[in-house]
Amino acid sequence: MAEYKGIKGFQVQTRTEDPSPTEAQIGDFYYNSSTGQFKTINTGGAPIGTWASGTNFPSALYGITGFGAQDAAMMAAGPIATSESFTYNGSAWTEQPGMNTASPSTSRYFPGGFGTTTAGVVAGGEPLQAFTETWDGSSWTEVNDMNQGRTFNKAVGTYTAGLTAGGQSPIKGNVELWDGTNWTETTDLNTARNGTYGGGTQTSAVIAGGSTPTDVTNSETWNGSSWTEVSEMNTARAMGGSAGTVVTAVLAYGGPGNAQTEFWNGSSWTEVNDLSTSRRSYGNAGTAGAALFTTGEPPTTAATEEFTASLANKTITAS
C-alpha cells in the first residue's frame, strides 16, 4: 500500500491507496504517483468531460435520491412500496435493506440525501415527510425528523454535518443544518424554490436553478451563515441531478426534457457536454469530475450515465 497526500479545499489530507492506480483521487484533486504531479478537473474553466453509459439500474423508476462516489454510490427511496435501496460499485448494482419509512401507497420519493455508502442520511420525501433515516453500510435507522416536512429538497454534506434547502409544498426557502443528531433551522434561501441543483458542504455550498413554480436560473452561495446571489445558470430548469463535494467544482445536469450539463467553478456556470438522455431524477452521486446519474422520467427509465472529465496538470504553490 502507498500513501498519497492530496489537497481538498484548503486542507491537506493523507490517505492510503492501492499502489496499482497511477492516480489517487482526494475530492476533486488527483495525485499522479508516476509523474509526481497534482492534477485537477477545475483549471479555472470547465472540465472537458463526456457522458457514457453505465450499468442499468435494476428497474425503471424515478424519484430516488443518491449520494456517494461514482463507483461507490447509494440510491434509495422511490415510488415503490418497500422504499428499496441499492449500492453501485461502478459496474454492478447490489440490493440492500429497504428504508423503514414510506408513505402509504406511493412510497417515499424525491427526498434529499447525502453522505457515503457507509455513512449516509436521507431526509424528507413525498408526501411532505419530515422523516430522517441514517445508513451505516448495513441497515437504515430512523432518527430525529426535520423541522419542516418537504419533498424535492436538495441536500449536501456528511453524516455528521449536512444541509438541506428548499422544497415543497408549498414551495419553501427553509434551510436546515444536520449535526448527526438534530436538525436546526437557519437562514432561508433568498429565493424559495424546489427541485434545485447544488453541491458543497454544510458551511460552503451553492444552490442553483429550481422551480418557483416557474423554472429559474438563480444561483446562491452559502458561507455557513448567509446566502448570497451569484451568477445565474445558463438554462432555467429543475429536478435534475447534480454532483460536487467542493463549492468551486459542481456539476448540474438534466431536468424535465433537458439533457444540458453545466459546470460551476465558484464564480460562473459553463455549459459542457450533454447527457445522452434528457430526464429528471434525484438518482445522482459523485463529484464534478466523476458524476453518476441513474433512472428518471419521462418516460420512466433504468438508464445509468457516468460523466468523466479529463484531468489537467495543475501547479501547486505553497505559501
Protein backbone atom coordinates (compact mmCIF):
# COMPACT_ATOMS: atom_id res chain seq x y z
CA MET A 1 0.00 0.00 0.00
CA ALA A 2 1.20 3.51 -0.81
CA GLU A 3 0.49 6.79 0.92
CA TYR A 4 -0.81 9.76 -1.07
CA LYS A 5 -1.15 13.35 0.04
CA GLY A 6 -3.81 15.43 -1.60
CA ILE A 7 -5.47 18.81 -1.33
CA LYS A 8 -9.18 19.09 -0.69
CA GLY A 9 -10.45 22.64 -0.45
CA PHE A 10 -7.89 24.30 1.83
CA GLN A 11 -6.98 21.20 3.83
CA VAL A 12 -4.11 18.80 3.25
CA GLN A 13 -5.22 15.22 3.70
CA THR A 14 -3.33 11.93 3.68
CA ARG A 15 -4.83 8.58 2.83
CA THR A 16 -3.65 5.10 1.87
CA GLU A 17 -4.42 3.72 -1.57
CA ASP A 18 -3.76 0.58 -3.56
CA PRO A 19 -0.48 1.38 -5.35
CA SER A 20 -1.65 -0.10 -8.65
CA PRO A 21 -3.52 3.03 -9.88
CA THR A 22 -1.27 5.82 -11.08
CA GLU A 23 -3.71 8.45 -9.83
CA ALA A 24 -5.41 8.72 -6.44
CA GLN A 25 -8.44 10.98 -6.01
CA ILE A 26 -8.88 13.23 -3.00
CA GLY A 27 -12.01 15.31 -3.51
CA ASP A 28 -11.69 16.86 -6.98
CA PHE A 29 -7.87 16.78 -6.96
CA TYR A 30 -5.61 13.92 -8.02
CA TYR A 31 -2.02 12.95 -7.37
CA ASN A 32 -0.15 11.07 -10.10
CA SER A 33 2.41 8.82 -8.44
CA SER A 34 4.24 8.16 -11.70
CA THR A 35 4.98 11.80 -12.51
CA GLY A 36 4.79 13.36 -9.06
CA GLN A 37 2.21 15.86 -10.35
CA PHE A 38 -1.07 17.07 -8.94
CA LYS A 39 -3.95 17.27 -11.38
CA THR A 40 -7.37 18.87 -11.06
CA ILE A 41 -10.62 18.86 -13.02
CA ASN A 42 -11.04 22.57 -12.29
CA THR A 43 -8.47 24.67 -14.10
CA GLY A 44 -10.41 27.91 -13.75
CA GLY A 45 -12.79 26.99 -16.54
CA ALA A 46 -14.93 23.94 -17.23
CA PRO A 47 -13.78 20.32 -17.22
CA ILE A 48 -13.51 18.55 -20.57
CA GLY A 49 -15.72 15.56 -19.95
CA THR A 50 -18.28 13.28 -21.56
CA TRP A 51 -21.19 11.12 -20.50
CA ALA A 52 -21.03 7.36 -21.18
CA SER A 53 -23.45 4.53 -20.47
CA GLY A 54 -23.11 2.66 -17.20
CA THR A 55 -24.90 -0.45 -15.93
CA ASN A 56 -28.68 -0.04 -15.94
CA PHE A 57 -30.44 0.26 -12.59
CA PRO A 58 -32.28 -2.99 -11.65
CA SER A 59 -35.65 -1.46 -12.55
CA ALA A 60 -37.08 1.54 -14.37
CA LEU A 61 -38.33 4.09 -11.84
CA TYR A 62 -37.99 7.71 -10.72
CA GLY A 63 -37.90 9.86 -7.60
CA ILE A 64 -34.92 8.21 -5.91
CA THR A 65 -32.17 10.04 -4.06
CA GLY A 66 -28.48 9.28 -4.31
CA PHE A 67 -25.15 10.01 -2.66
CA GLY A 68 -21.57 8.77 -2.53
CA ALA A 69 -18.99 8.42 -5.30
CA GLN A 70 -19.40 7.45 -8.94
CA ASP A 71 -18.02 3.97 -8.21
CA ALA A 72 -19.31 3.71 -4.64
CA ALA A 73 -22.85 5.09 -4.66
CA MET A 74 -26.10 4.55 -2.76
CA MET A 75 -29.56 5.02 -4.31
CA ALA A 76 -32.62 4.92 -2.06
CA ALA A 77 -36.38 5.56 -1.90
CA GLY A 78 -38.63 5.84 -4.96
CA PRO A 79 -42.25 5.13 -5.90
CA ILE A 80 -42.24 1.54 -4.68
CA ALA A 81 -43.92 0.28 -1.53
CA THR A 82 -40.75 -1.10 0.06
CA SER A 83 -38.55 2.00 -0.40
CA GLU A 84 -35.71 -0.19 -1.62
CA SER A 85 -32.06 0.81 -1.66
CA PHE A 86 -29.15 -0.26 -3.86
CA THR A 87 -25.40 0.30 -3.88
CA TYR A 88 -23.30 0.67 -7.05
CA ASN A 89 -19.61 -0.25 -7.35
CA GLY A 90 -19.06 1.20 -10.81
CA SER A 91 -20.16 -1.94 -12.66
CA ALA A 92 -22.96 -3.67 -10.72
CA TRP A 93 -25.96 -2.81 -8.54
CA THR A 94 -26.49 -4.68 -5.26
CA GLU A 95 -29.79 -4.63 -3.38
CA GLN A 96 -29.58 -3.51 0.24
CA PRO A 97 -32.14 -3.49 3.10
CA GLY A 98 -35.12 -1.22 2.46
CA MET A 99 -35.74 2.04 4.26
CA ASN A 100 -38.09 1.99 7.26
CA THR A 101 -40.43 4.79 6.24
CA ALA A 102 -42.63 5.01 3.17
CA SER A 103 -45.82 6.95 2.62
CA PRO A 104 -48.98 4.89 2.30
CA SER A 105 -49.48 3.73 -1.28
CA THR A 106 -47.00 5.79 -3.25
CA SER A 107 -43.94 5.22 -1.06
CA ARG A 108 -41.27 7.77 -0.33
CA TYR A 109 -39.96 9.62 -3.35
CA PHE A 110 -37.93 12.77 -4.12
CA PRO A 111 -36.25 13.11 -0.69
CA GLY A 112 -32.81 14.67 -0.15
CA GLY A 113 -29.74 12.56 0.58
CA PHE A 114 -26.04 12.98 1.36
CA GLY A 115 -23.05 11.04 2.66
CA THR A 116 -21.28 7.83 1.62
CA THR A 117 -22.14 4.15 1.17
CA THR A 118 -21.18 3.52 4.79
CA ALA A 119 -22.45 6.75 6.39
CA GLY A 120 -25.45 8.33 4.70
CA VAL A 121 -28.54 10.38 5.52
CA VAL A 122 -31.92 10.63 3.73
CA ALA A 123 -34.49 13.25 4.79
CA GLY A 124 -37.91 14.30 3.55
CA GLY A 125 -39.86 12.93 0.60
CA GLU A 126 -43.33 12.79 -0.82
CA PRO A 127 -45.86 13.40 0.63
CA LEU A 128 -44.27 16.20 2.69
CA GLN A 129 -42.39 13.95 5.05
CA ALA A 130 -40.04 15.18 7.76
CA PHE A 131 -38.67 11.68 8.42
CA THR A 132 -34.90 11.22 8.54
CA GLU A 133 -33.03 7.92 8.29
CA THR A 134 -29.34 7.15 8.55
CA TRP A 135 -27.44 4.39 6.71
CA ASP A 136 -24.42 2.72 8.34
CA GLY A 137 -23.40 0.43 5.49
CA SER A 138 -25.71 -2.41 6.51
CA SER A 139 -29.02 -1.01 7.80
CA TRP A 140 -31.30 2.04 7.96
CA THR A 141 -32.21 3.65 11.29
CA GLU A 142 -34.94 6.20 11.93
CA VAL A 143 -33.59 9.28 13.71
CA ASN A 144 -34.84 12.77 14.55
CA ASP A 145 -37.15 14.40 12.00
CA MET A 146 -36.56 17.64 10.14
CA ASN A 147 -38.42 20.67 11.46
CA GLN A 148 -40.20 21.18 8.11
CA GLY A 149 -41.72 18.28 6.16
CA ARG A 150 -40.87 18.62 2.47
CA THR A 151 -40.09 16.94 -0.83
CA PHE A 152 -37.85 17.94 -3.76
CA ASN A 153 -35.33 19.27 -1.20
CA LYS A 154 -31.63 19.49 -2.10
CA ALA A 155 -29.21 18.11 0.48
CA VAL A 156 -25.40 18.18 0.77
CA GLY A 157 -22.80 17.33 3.38
CA THR A 158 -21.63 14.44 5.51
CA TYR A 159 -23.07 12.02 8.07
CA THR A 160 -22.46 14.46 10.92
CA ALA A 161 -22.60 17.81 9.09
CA GLY A 162 -25.35 18.18 6.50
CA LEU A 163 -27.57 20.86 4.97
CA THR A 164 -30.94 20.70 3.23
CA ALA A 165 -32.51 23.60 1.36
CA GLY A 166 -35.82 24.43 -0.29
CA GLY A 167 -38.56 22.00 -1.21
CA GLN A 168 -42.36 21.89 -1.39
CA SER A 169 -45.32 22.01 -0.70
CA PRO A 170 -45.90 24.89 -0.58
CA ILE A 171 -42.62 25.96 -2.17
CA LYS A 172 -40.11 26.59 0.61
CA GLY A 173 -36.98 28.63 1.19
CA ASN A 174 -36.30 26.93 4.53
CA VAL A 175 -32.78 25.70 5.22
CA GLU A 176 -31.85 23.24 7.97
CA LEU A 177 -28.50 22.01 9.29
CA TRP A 178 -27.85 18.43 10.46
CA ASP A 179 -25.27 17.75 13.20
CA GLY A 180 -25.51 13.97 13.25
CA THR A 181 -28.37 14.02 15.77
CA ASN A 182 -30.67 17.00 15.23
CA TRP A 183 -31.87 19.40 12.54
CA THR A 184 -31.66 23.14 13.25
CA GLU A 185 -33.33 25.84 11.17
CA THR A 186 -31.02 28.50 9.83
CA THR A 187 -31.05 31.35 7.28
CA ASP A 188 -33.53 30.85 4.42
CA LEU A 189 -32.65 30.95 0.75
CA ASN A 190 -33.19 34.34 -0.90
CA THR A 191 -35.45 32.66 -3.47
CA ALA A 192 -37.85 29.96 -2.24
CA ARG A 193 -37.91 27.02 -4.66
CA ASN A 194 -37.87 23.25 -5.03
CA GLY A 195 -36.01 20.77 -7.20
CA THR A 196 -32.71 22.68 -7.10
CA TYR A 197 -29.19 21.70 -8.14
CA GLY A 198 -26.18 22.13 -5.89
CA GLY A 199 -23.11 20.87 -4.12
CA GLY A 200 -20.53 21.58 -1.47
CA THR A 201 -20.55 21.19 2.30
CA GLN A 202 -22.55 22.33 5.32
CA THR A 203 -20.51 25.53 5.56
CA SER A 204 -19.72 26.21 1.89
CA ALA A 205 -22.34 25.34 -0.74
CA VAL A 206 -24.05 26.50 -3.91
CA ILE A 207 -27.76 26.07 -4.70
CA ALA A 208 -28.97 26.81 -8.24
CA GLY A 209 -31.97 26.56 -10.53
CA GLY A 210 -35.21 25.04 -9.30
CA SER A 211 -38.88 25.86 -9.62
CA THR A 212 -40.77 28.77 -8.01
CA PRO A 213 -43.00 27.13 -9.61
CA THR A 214 -41.60 28.67 -12.80
CA ASP A 215 -38.17 27.22 -13.58
CA VAL A 216 -35.41 29.71 -12.70
CA THR A 217 -31.66 30.20 -13.21
CA ASN A 218 -30.95 31.83 -9.82
CA SER A 219 -27.78 30.73 -8.00
CA GLU A 220 -26.90 31.34 -4.38
CA THR A 221 -23.79 30.52 -2.37
CA TRP A 222 -23.72 29.72 1.35
CA ASN A 223 -20.84 30.63 3.67
CA GLY A 224 -22.14 28.97 6.80
CA SER A 225 -24.34 31.85 7.92
CA SER A 226 -25.85 33.64 4.91
CA TRP A 227 -26.87 33.20 1.28
CA THR A 228 -25.51 35.46 -1.50
CA GLU A 229 -26.92 35.68 -5.01
CA VAL A 230 -24.26 35.00 -7.63
CA SER A 231 -24.02 34.36 -11.39
CA GLU A 232 -27.05 32.58 -12.82
CA MET A 233 -27.17 29.25 -14.64
CA ASN A 234 -27.35 29.39 -18.42
CA THR A 235 -30.58 27.36 -18.62
CA ALA A 236 -33.61 27.62 -16.33
CA ARG A 237 -34.57 24.14 -15.09
CA ALA A 238 -35.39 21.99 -12.09
CA MET A 239 -35.41 18.43 -10.72
CA GLY A 240 -32.33 17.11 -12.47
CA GLY A 241 -29.13 15.81 -10.91
CA SER A 242 -26.00 17.41 -9.50
CA ALA A 243 -22.66 16.35 -8.08
CA GLY A 244 -19.80 18.03 -6.27
CA THR A 245 -18.30 17.98 -2.81
CA VAL A 246 -16.46 21.32 -3.03
CA VAL A 247 -18.18 24.61 -3.79
CA THR A 248 -15.76 25.52 -6.61
CA ALA A 249 -16.48 22.39 -8.66
CA VAL A 250 -20.15 21.41 -9.05
CA LEU A 251 -21.86 19.71 -12.00
CA ALA A 252 -25.60 20.20 -12.71
CA TYR A 253 -27.36 18.06 -15.29
CA GLY A 254 -30.75 17.12 -16.70
CA GLY A 255 -34.28 18.15 -15.82
CA PRO A 256 -37.68 17.50 -17.48
CA GLY A 257 -36.98 17.43 -21.23
CA ASN A 258 -33.45 18.69 -20.63
CA ALA A 259 -30.09 16.99 -21.26
CA GLN A 260 -27.87 20.03 -20.70
CA THR A 261 -24.96 19.87 -18.29
CA GLU A 262 -23.34 22.89 -16.64
CA PHE A 263 -20.22 23.27 -14.51
CA TRP A 264 -19.84 25.77 -11.63
CA ASN A 265 -16.26 26.88 -10.93
CA GLY A 266 -17.04 29.07 -7.95
CA SER A 267 -17.91 32.19 -9.92
CA SER A 268 -19.80 31.21 -13.11
CA TRP A 269 -21.65 28.44 -14.91
CA THR A 270 -20.30 26.95 -18.17
CA GLU A 271 -22.14 24.54 -20.47
CA VAL A 272 -20.33 21.27 -21.09
CA ASN A 273 -21.31 18.04 -22.87
CA ASP A 274 -24.96 16.99 -22.62
CA LEU A 275 -26.44 13.83 -21.17
CA SER A 276 -27.35 11.21 -23.76
CA THR A 277 -30.94 11.14 -22.49
CA SER A 278 -32.92 14.08 -21.12
CA ARG A 279 -34.72 13.28 -17.86
CA ARG A 280 -35.44 14.30 -14.32
CA SER A 281 -34.49 12.30 -11.23
CA TYR A 282 -32.55 12.58 -7.98
CA GLY A 283 -30.55 9.42 -8.73
CA ASN A 284 -27.22 11.24 -8.65
CA ALA A 285 -23.84 10.91 -6.93
CA GLY A 286 -20.15 11.68 -7.32
CA THR A 287 -18.00 14.73 -7.96
CA ALA A 288 -17.83 17.26 -10.79
CA GLY A 289 -15.10 15.18 -12.42
CA ALA A 290 -16.73 11.78 -11.88
CA ALA A 291 -20.52 12.06 -11.69
CA LEU A 292 -23.32 9.48 -11.78
CA PHE A 293 -26.95 9.77 -12.93
CA THR A 294 -29.43 6.89 -12.95
CA THR A 295 -33.15 6.25 -13.58
CA GLY A 296 -35.59 9.10 -14.21
CA GLU A 297 -38.59 10.16 -16.26
CA PRO A 298 -40.36 10.73 -18.63
CA PRO A 299 -40.52 8.08 -19.86
CA THR A 300 -39.52 6.10 -16.80
CA THR A 301 -36.07 4.62 -17.38
CA ALA A 302 -33.43 2.39 -15.77
CA ALA A 303 -30.59 4.02 -17.75
CA THR A 304 -27.36 4.95 -15.98
CA GLU A 305 -24.86 7.50 -17.26
CA GLU A 306 -21.40 8.37 -15.95
CA PHE A 307 -19.61 11.68 -16.53
CA THR A 308 -15.82 11.54 -16.59
CA ALA A 309 -13.67 14.63 -17.00
CA SER A 310 -10.17 14.69 -18.42
CA LEU A 311 -7.53 15.78 -15.95
CA ALA A 312 -5.31 18.81 -16.41
CA ASN A 313 -1.90 19.50 -14.90
CA LYS A 314 -2.11 21.93 -12.01
CA THR A 315 0.78 23.76 -10.39
CA ILE A 316 0.57 23.70 -6.59
CA THR A 317 2.26 26.70 -4.96
CA ALA A 318 3.00 26.66 -1.25
CA SER A 319 2.68 29.93 0.64
